[in-house]
Amino acid sequence: MRSQIATSSEYGGRRYLPYVFTESGIAMLSAVLNTEVAVDVSVRIMNSFVEMRRFIANNAALFERISAVELKQLEYQKQTDEKFNKVFEYIDDHAESEQKIFFDGQIYDAFELLISLIRKASKKIVLIDGYVDIGTLNILAKKQPGVDATIYTFSNTRLSNRDIAAFNAQYPVLTVEHMTAFHDRFLILDDVIGYHIGASLKDAGKKCFGITQIQDEQTVEEILKRLVR
């Protein structure tokens, strides 16, 4: 507390920051104050500054080592964070790589996964499904813009030329081809990533079925070769 000629109206606590002298300030003060107590205090403070400088000089190597350790720790933390980010990105990108089983009634969950797979394609989607209808197109409509989609289905498909034209008017380009070589359903993205689907896309979630990623790229190539025969 500070006051010129009056007494503070409040008690307790510090309401003003204290003054602190630097080493140069102590030297200047000792030249002004010449009482025995003032000189003794000045000498003690100056000695403290001397000891401080001596301690810093004697331990300079230690401080450098500590700084080096801190830098290494920061670099290690940065590398660790980057590795964790890559792991989390991999988990996000490969969340569907494990087999997914959907039980009857999980229609929303099944459609959510199928749409997430469809949106991963950047160039091309190939769907092999013997039984397709408007519900199938509703899922394919979630594809990224500019991605071509081809459906291989049976000749008695429920999709009409009018349905295909209406789809292409808004989400080009969709092509429908007829085939009889496959019974199971497959979804292939960008000619590289393949999935085996246990139910037609239009029926996903109505009954129990599974979706499994095909781990062997050669198998995906063989499936595509069968389509052009």
Protein backbone atom coordinates (compact mmCIF):
# COMPACT_ATOMS: atom_id res chain seq x y z
CA MET A 1 0.00 0.00 0.00
CA ARG A 2 1.20 3.49 -0.76
CA SER A 3 0.33 6.88 0.65
CA GLN A 4 1.84 10.34 0.69
CA ILE A 5 0.36 12.06 3.76
CA ALA A 6 -2.83 10.06 4.24
CA THR A 7 -3.63 6.64 5.59
CA SER A 8 -5.05 3.99 3.26
CA SER A 9 -8.81 3.58 3.63
CA GLU A 10 -8.61 -0.21 3.20
CA TYR A 11 -6.66 -2.83 5.07
CA GLY A 12 -4.68 -5.77 3.84
CA GLY A 13 -3.50 -6.71 0.38
CA ARG A 14 -1.13 -5.03 -2.04
CA ARG A 15 -2.71 -2.52 -4.39
CA TYR A 16 0.52 -1.33 -6.06
CA LEU A 17 3.28 -3.35 -7.70
CA PRO A 18 6.59 -3.22 -5.77
CA TYR A 19 9.72 -1.67 -7.28
CA VAL A 20 12.58 -3.99 -8.20
CA PHE A 21 16.15 -2.78 -8.76
CA THR A 22 18.36 -4.13 -11.51
CA GLU A 23 22.08 -4.62 -11.02
CA SER A 24 22.75 -1.25 -12.62
CA GLY A 25 20.13 0.32 -10.38
CA ILE A 26 21.80 -1.05 -7.25
CA ALA A 27 25.14 0.42 -8.40
CA MET A 28 23.51 3.82 -8.90
CA LEU A 29 21.69 3.58 -5.56
CA SER A 30 24.90 2.77 -3.66
CA ALA A 31 26.42 5.95 -5.04
CA VAL A 32 23.58 7.98 -3.53
CA LEU A 33 22.97 6.20 -0.21
CA ASN A 34 26.03 6.11 2.02
CA THR A 35 24.68 4.91 5.32
CA GLU A 36 26.21 1.76 6.75
CA VAL A 37 23.00 -0.24 6.33
CA ALA A 38 22.46 0.96 2.75
CA VAL A 39 26.03 0.11 1.78
CA ASP A 40 25.80 -3.34 3.36
CA VAL A 41 22.54 -4.11 1.58
CA SER A 42 23.92 -2.86 -1.74
CA VAL A 43 27.01 -5.07 -1.37
CA ARG A 44 24.85 -8.11 -0.58
CA ILE A 45 22.64 -7.50 -3.61
CA MET A 46 25.64 -6.95 -5.88
CA ASN A 47 27.17 -10.20 -4.61
CA SER A 48 23.92 -11.94 -5.44
CA PHE A 49 24.10 -10.66 -9.01
CA VAL A 50 27.72 -11.81 -9.25
CA GLU A 51 26.82 -15.28 -7.99
CA MET A 52 23.91 -15.41 -10.41
CA ARG A 53 26.16 -14.65 -13.37
CA ARG A 54 28.72 -17.16 -12.13
CA PHE A 55 26.05 -19.85 -11.80
CA ILE A 56 24.76 -19.17 -15.31
CA ALA A 57 28.29 -19.23 -16.76
CA ASN A 58 29.25 -22.45 -14.96
CA ASN A 59 26.07 -24.19 -16.04
CA ALA A 60 25.87 -22.86 -19.59
CA ALA A 61 26.53 -26.34 -21.00
CA LEU A 62 23.77 -27.77 -18.81
CA PHE A 63 21.31 -25.14 -20.00
CA GLU A 64 22.25 -25.89 -23.60
CA ARG A 65 21.62 -29.58 -22.99
CA ILE A 66 18.26 -28.80 -21.42
CA SER A 67 17.37 -26.64 -24.43
CA ALA A 68 18.45 -29.43 -26.77
CA VAL A 69 16.33 -31.94 -24.85
CA GLU A 70 13.34 -29.60 -25.02
CA LEU A 71 13.80 -29.17 -28.77
CA LYS A 72 14.06 -32.92 -29.25
CA GLN A 73 10.97 -33.41 -27.14
CA LEU A 74 9.04 -30.89 -29.20
CA GLU A 75 10.19 -32.55 -32.43
CA TYR A 76 9.30 -35.98 -31.06
CA GLN A 77 5.89 -34.70 -30.02
CA LYS A 78 5.36 -33.27 -33.50
CA GLN A 79 6.33 -36.56 -35.14
CA THR A 80 4.11 -38.48 -32.73
CA ASP A 81 1.16 -36.21 -33.49
CA GLU A 82 1.74 -36.69 -37.22
CA LYS A 83 1.84 -40.47 -36.80
CA PHE A 84 -1.36 -40.45 -34.78
CA ASN A 85 -3.02 -38.27 -37.40
CA LYS A 86 -2.02 -40.74 -40.10
CA VAL A 87 -3.40 -43.61 -38.02
CA PHE A 88 -6.69 -41.81 -37.48
CA GLU A 89 -6.90 -40.91 -41.17
CA TYR A 90 -6.27 -44.55 -42.07
CA ILE A 91 -8.99 -45.67 -39.68
CA ASP A 92 -11.41 -43.17 -41.23
CA ASP A 93 -10.53 -44.25 -44.76
CA HIS A 94 -10.67 -47.96 -43.98
CA ALA A 95 -13.56 -48.07 -41.55
CA GLU A 96 -15.42 -50.31 -43.98
CA SER A 97 -12.47 -52.67 -44.62
CA GLU A 98 -13.62 -55.05 -41.92
CA GLN A 99 -16.70 -57.13 -42.48
CA LYS A 100 -19.90 -55.33 -41.61
CA ILE A 101 -23.00 -57.27 -40.66
CA PHE A 102 -26.41 -55.62 -40.68
CA PHE A 103 -29.46 -57.22 -39.14
CA ASP A 104 -33.00 -56.85 -40.33
CA GLY A 105 -34.34 -53.41 -39.56
CA GLN A 106 -30.98 -51.62 -39.76
CA ILE A 107 -32.01 -49.91 -42.98
CA TYR A 108 -30.62 -46.50 -42.08
CA ASP A 109 -27.25 -47.89 -40.96
CA ALA A 110 -26.93 -50.00 -44.11
CA PHE A 111 -27.79 -47.12 -46.42
CA GLU A 112 -25.41 -44.82 -44.55
CA LEU A 113 -22.51 -47.21 -45.14
CA LEU A 114 -23.40 -47.80 -48.78
CA ILE A 115 -23.59 -44.07 -49.45
CA SER A 116 -20.21 -43.52 -47.74
CA LEU A 117 -18.72 -46.16 -50.05
CA ILE A 118 -20.30 -44.65 -53.14
CA ARG A 119 -18.88 -41.23 -52.27
CA LYS A 120 -15.33 -42.60 -52.06
CA ALA A 121 -15.18 -43.13 -55.81
CA SER A 122 -13.33 -40.35 -57.61
CA LYS A 123 -13.69 -41.54 -61.22
CA LYS A 124 -15.77 -44.65 -61.71
CA ILE A 125 -18.35 -46.88 -60.03
CA VAL A 126 -19.20 -50.39 -61.16
CA LEU A 127 -22.19 -52.07 -59.54
CA ILE A 128 -22.96 -55.73 -60.22
CA ASP A 129 -26.47 -56.36 -58.97
CA GLY A 130 -29.06 -58.57 -60.61
CA TYR A 131 -31.98 -56.79 -58.99
CA VAL A 132 -32.02 -53.01 -59.26
CA ASP A 133 -34.74 -50.38 -59.22
CA ILE A 134 -35.27 -46.72 -58.35
CA GLY A 135 -34.01 -47.42 -54.82
CA THR A 136 -30.64 -48.37 -56.30
CA LEU A 137 -30.50 -45.09 -58.20
CA ASN A 138 -31.26 -43.18 -55.01
CA ILE A 139 -28.02 -44.52 -53.56
CA LEU A 140 -25.96 -43.92 -56.71
CA ALA A 141 -27.25 -40.34 -56.79
CA LYS A 142 -24.99 -39.66 -53.78
CA LYS A 143 -21.85 -40.16 -55.89
CA GLN A 144 -19.37 -37.36 -56.40
CA PRO A 145 -19.97 -35.07 -59.40
CA GLY A 146 -18.20 -36.25 -62.54
CA VAL A 147 -18.02 -39.90 -61.46
CA ASP A 148 -19.31 -42.33 -64.08
CA ALA A 149 -21.51 -45.21 -62.89
CA THR A 150 -22.19 -48.51 -64.66
CA ILE A 151 -24.75 -51.05 -63.47
CA TYR A 152 -24.51 -54.68 -64.60
CA THR A 153 -27.85 -56.35 -64.00
CA PHE A 154 -30.24 -59.00 -65.36
CA SER A 155 -32.20 -58.28 -68.52
CA ASN A 156 -35.50 -58.19 -66.65
CA THR A 157 -34.40 -55.18 -64.61
CA ARG A 158 -37.05 -52.92 -63.11
CA LEU A 159 -35.26 -49.87 -64.42
CA SER A 160 -36.78 -48.37 -67.54
CA ASN A 161 -35.05 -46.21 -70.12
CA ARG A 162 -37.05 -43.34 -68.75
CA ASP A 163 -35.64 -43.91 -65.25
CA ILE A 164 -32.09 -43.95 -66.62
CA ALA A 165 -32.66 -40.80 -68.68
CA ALA A 166 -34.12 -38.98 -65.68
CA PHE A 167 -31.10 -39.98 -63.59
CA ASN A 168 -28.64 -38.83 -66.25
CA ALA A 169 -30.40 -35.51 -66.55
CA GLN A 170 -29.34 -34.72 -63.00
CA TYR A 171 -26.46 -37.09 -62.11
CA PRO A 172 -24.59 -38.01 -65.29
CA VAL A 173 -23.33 -40.43 -66.41
CA LEU A 174 -25.16 -43.71 -65.72
CA THR A 175 -24.92 -46.74 -68.01
CA VAL A 176 -26.90 -49.96 -67.56
CA GLU A 177 -25.57 -53.20 -69.04
CA HIS A 178 -27.16 -56.64 -68.96
CA MET A 179 -25.29 -59.72 -67.73
CA THR A 180 -25.90 -63.25 -66.44
CA ALA A 181 -22.40 -64.19 -65.24
CA PHE A 182 -22.86 -63.13 -61.60
CA HIS A 183 -25.28 -64.13 -58.90
CA ASP A 184 -23.68 -62.20 -56.02
CA ARG A 185 -23.49 -58.43 -55.74
CA PHE A 186 -20.24 -56.52 -56.08
CA LEU A 187 -19.35 -52.85 -55.83
CA ILE A 188 -16.08 -51.73 -57.45
CA LEU A 189 -14.68 -48.22 -57.08
CA ASP A 190 -12.18 -46.72 -59.51
CA ASP A 191 -11.34 -50.23 -60.85
CA VAL A 192 -9.29 -50.87 -57.70
CA ILE A 193 -11.38 -51.19 -54.54
CA GLY A 194 -13.98 -53.94 -54.45
CA TYR A 195 -16.73 -54.99 -52.04
CA HIS A 196 -18.82 -58.12 -51.83
CA ILE A 197 -22.38 -57.24 -50.82
CA GLY A 198 -24.74 -59.92 -49.55
CA ALA A 199 -27.95 -58.18 -50.63
CA SER A 200 -29.13 -55.96 -53.43
CA LEU A 201 -28.60 -52.31 -52.68
CA LYS A 202 -32.32 -51.65 -52.90
CA ASP A 203 -32.97 -54.21 -50.14
CA ALA A 204 -30.14 -53.19 -47.82
CA GLY A 205 -31.22 -53.46 -44.20
CA LYS A 206 -34.51 -55.24 -44.87
CA LYS A 207 -32.93 -58.60 -44.01
CA CYS A 208 -29.66 -59.69 -42.44
CA PHE A 209 -26.71 -59.30 -44.81
CA GLY A 210 -23.02 -58.46 -44.82
CA ILE A 211 -20.59 -56.18 -46.67
CA THR A 212 -16.94 -57.21 -46.99
CA GLN A 213 -14.06 -55.47 -48.70
CA ILE A 214 -12.13 -57.61 -51.16
CA GLN A 215 -8.52 -57.49 -50.00
CA ASP A 216 -6.98 -59.04 -53.14
CA GLU A 217 -6.68 -56.51 -55.99
CA GLN A 218 -6.19 -59.35 -58.48
CA THR A 219 -9.64 -60.66 -57.57
CA VAL A 220 -11.09 -57.24 -58.38
CA GLU A 221 -9.34 -57.34 -61.77
CA GLU A 222 -10.74 -60.81 -62.47
CA ILE A 223 -14.28 -59.62 -61.70
CA LEU A 224 -13.93 -56.73 -64.12
CA LYS A 225 -12.55 -59.04 -66.82
CA ARG A 226 -15.62 -61.28 -66.50
CA LEU A 227 -17.84 -58.32 -67.29
CA VAL A 228 -16.33 -57.72 -70.72
CA ARG A 229 -16.65 -61.30 -71.93
